[in-house]
C-alpha cells in the first residue's frame, strides 16, 4: 500500500493520514466486536449503528470495499436479515487486518 499517495489523494500530510488510518483501524475493530456481540444477541439496532459508523469512516478514507460491505451489513440489519451479515463481516475483518499489517510494515 502506498500510504503517501493515499494521503495525497485525500489532501493530507502522510503522518496526519497515518494517524487517522490507525484510529480508523482501532475504532473499526472495536465496532466489529460490538457488531458481533449484537448479532449473537440478535439485537438489530447496535448492528446497524456499528455498520453505519464503519461505513461512514471507510467512505471518507476511500476504502470502498469496507464501505460497501458495511453498507450491506447496515441494510441487512435494518431489514432484519442477520443471516446475510457474516460474509460481509469477514470482508471487513480481512481488509482491516491487511491495512493494519501494512501499517506495521510501514508500507
Protein backbone atom coordinates (compact mmCIF):
# COMPACT_ATOMS: atom_id res chain seq x y z
CA UNK A 1 0.00 0.00 0.00
CA UNK A 2 1.31 3.38 -0.90
CA UNK A 3 0.28 5.47 2.08
CA UNK A 4 1.98 8.58 0.71
CA UNK A 5 -0.13 8.55 -2.48
CA UNK A 6 -3.23 7.71 -0.49
CA UNK A 7 -2.59 10.69 1.81
CA UNK A 8 -2.01 12.99 -1.17
CA UNK A 9 -5.25 11.84 -2.75
CA UNK A 10 -7.07 12.88 0.44
CA UNK A 11 -5.04 16.11 0.56
CA UNK A 12 -3.43 15.21 3.88
CA UNK A 13 0.15 15.08 5.11
CA UNK A 14 1.34 11.48 5.29
CA UNK A 15 1.90 11.49 9.08
CA UNK A 16 -1.53 13.04 9.62
CA UNK A 17 -3.09 10.43 7.35
CA UNK A 18 -1.33 7.56 9.14
CA UNK A 19 -2.70 8.78 12.49
CA UNK A 20 -6.22 8.92 11.06
CA UNK A 21 -5.83 5.48 9.49
CA UNK A 22 -4.58 3.95 12.75
CA UNK A 23 -7.54 5.47 14.59
CA UNK A 24 -9.89 4.10 11.91
CA UNK A 25 -8.42 0.60 12.30
CA UNK A 26 -8.68 0.70 16.10
CA UNK A 27 -12.23 2.08 16.06
CA UNK A 28 -13.39 -0.30 13.34
CA UNK A 29 -12.11 -3.36 15.19
CA UNK A 30 -13.97 -2.10 18.27
CA UNK A 31 -17.11 -1.59 16.18
CA UNK A 32 -16.74 -5.10 14.73
CA UNK A 33 -16.62 -6.54 18.25
CA UNK A 34 -19.81 -4.64 19.13
CA UNK A 35 -21.38 -5.83 15.91
CA UNK A 36 -20.53 -9.47 16.63
CA UNK A 37 -21.94 -9.24 20.15
CA UNK A 38 -25.14 -7.61 18.90
CA UNK A 39 -25.57 -10.31 16.24
CA UNK A 40 -25.18 -13.05 18.84
CA UNK A 41 -27.87 -11.34 20.91
CA UNK A 42 -29.96 -10.71 17.78
CA UNK A 43 -30.09 -7.03 18.72
CA UNK A 44 -30.61 -5.21 15.43
CA UNK A 45 -30.07 -1.57 16.44
CA UNK A 46 -26.43 -1.89 17.55
CA UNK A 47 -25.63 -3.93 14.42
CA UNK A 48 -26.96 -1.16 12.18
CA UNK A 49 -25.26 1.56 14.24
CA UNK A 50 -21.82 -0.12 14.22
CA UNK A 51 -22.07 -0.85 10.50
CA UNK A 52 -23.11 2.76 9.84
CA UNK A 53 -20.07 4.02 11.76
CA UNK A 54 -17.66 1.80 9.82
CA UNK A 55 -19.35 2.69 6.53
CA UNK A 56 -19.00 6.43 7.08
CA UNK A 57 -15.36 6.40 8.10
CA UNK A 58 -14.40 3.95 5.35
CA UNK A 59 -16.14 6.11 2.76
CA UNK A 60 -14.26 9.21 3.85
CA UNK A 61 -10.95 7.34 3.62
CA UNK A 62 -11.78 5.89 0.22
CA UNK A 63 -11.91 2.29 1.47
CA UNK A 64 -14.69 1.27 -0.86
CA UNK A 65 -14.66 -2.48 -0.20
CA UNK A 66 -15.03 -1.88 3.54
CA UNK A 67 -17.62 0.85 2.90
CA UNK A 68 -19.68 -1.40 0.63
CA UNK A 69 -19.53 -4.39 2.99
CA UNK A 70 -20.58 -2.19 5.92
CA UNK A 71 -23.41 -0.76 3.84
CA UNK A 72 -24.65 -4.30 3.07
CA UNK A 73 -24.50 -5.13 6.80
CA UNK A 74 -26.41 -1.98 7.70
CA UNK A 75 -29.09 -2.72 5.09
CA UNK A 76 -29.38 -6.36 6.19
CA UNK A 77 -29.72 -5.29 9.83
CA UNK A 78 -32.37 -2.68 9.06
CA UNK A 79 -34.37 -5.27 7.11
CA UNK A 80 -33.84 -7.98 9.76
CA UNK A 81 -31.73 -10.28 7.56
CA UNK A 82 -28.96 -11.09 10.03
CA UNK A 83 -28.07 -14.31 8.19
CA UNK A 84 -26.63 -12.23 5.33
CA UNK A 85 -24.15 -10.39 7.53
CA UNK A 86 -21.43 -12.99 8.14
CA UNK A 87 -19.75 -12.83 4.72
CA UNK A 88 -19.55 -9.03 4.89
CA UNK A 89 -18.11 -9.16 8.40
CA UNK A 90 -15.38 -11.42 7.07
CA UNK A 91 -14.63 -8.98 4.23
CA UNK A 92 -14.29 -6.05 6.63
CA UNK A 93 -12.13 -8.01 9.07
CA UNK A 94 -9.79 -9.24 6.33
CA UNK A 95 -9.39 -5.75 4.84
CA UNK A 96 -8.77 -4.19 8.27
CA UNK A 97 -6.16 -6.83 9.08
CA UNK A 98 -4.46 -6.24 5.73
CA UNK A 99 -4.26 -2.47 6.35
CA UNK A 100 -3.10 -2.98 9.95
CA UNK A 101 -0.33 -5.30 8.75
CA UNK A 102 0.76 -2.78 6.10
CA UNK A 103 0.86 -0.07 8.79
CA UNK A 104 3.11 -2.26 10.93
CA UNK A 105 5.46 -2.83 8.00
CA UNK A 106 5.36 0.86 7.19
CA UNK A 107 4.41 0.28 3.57
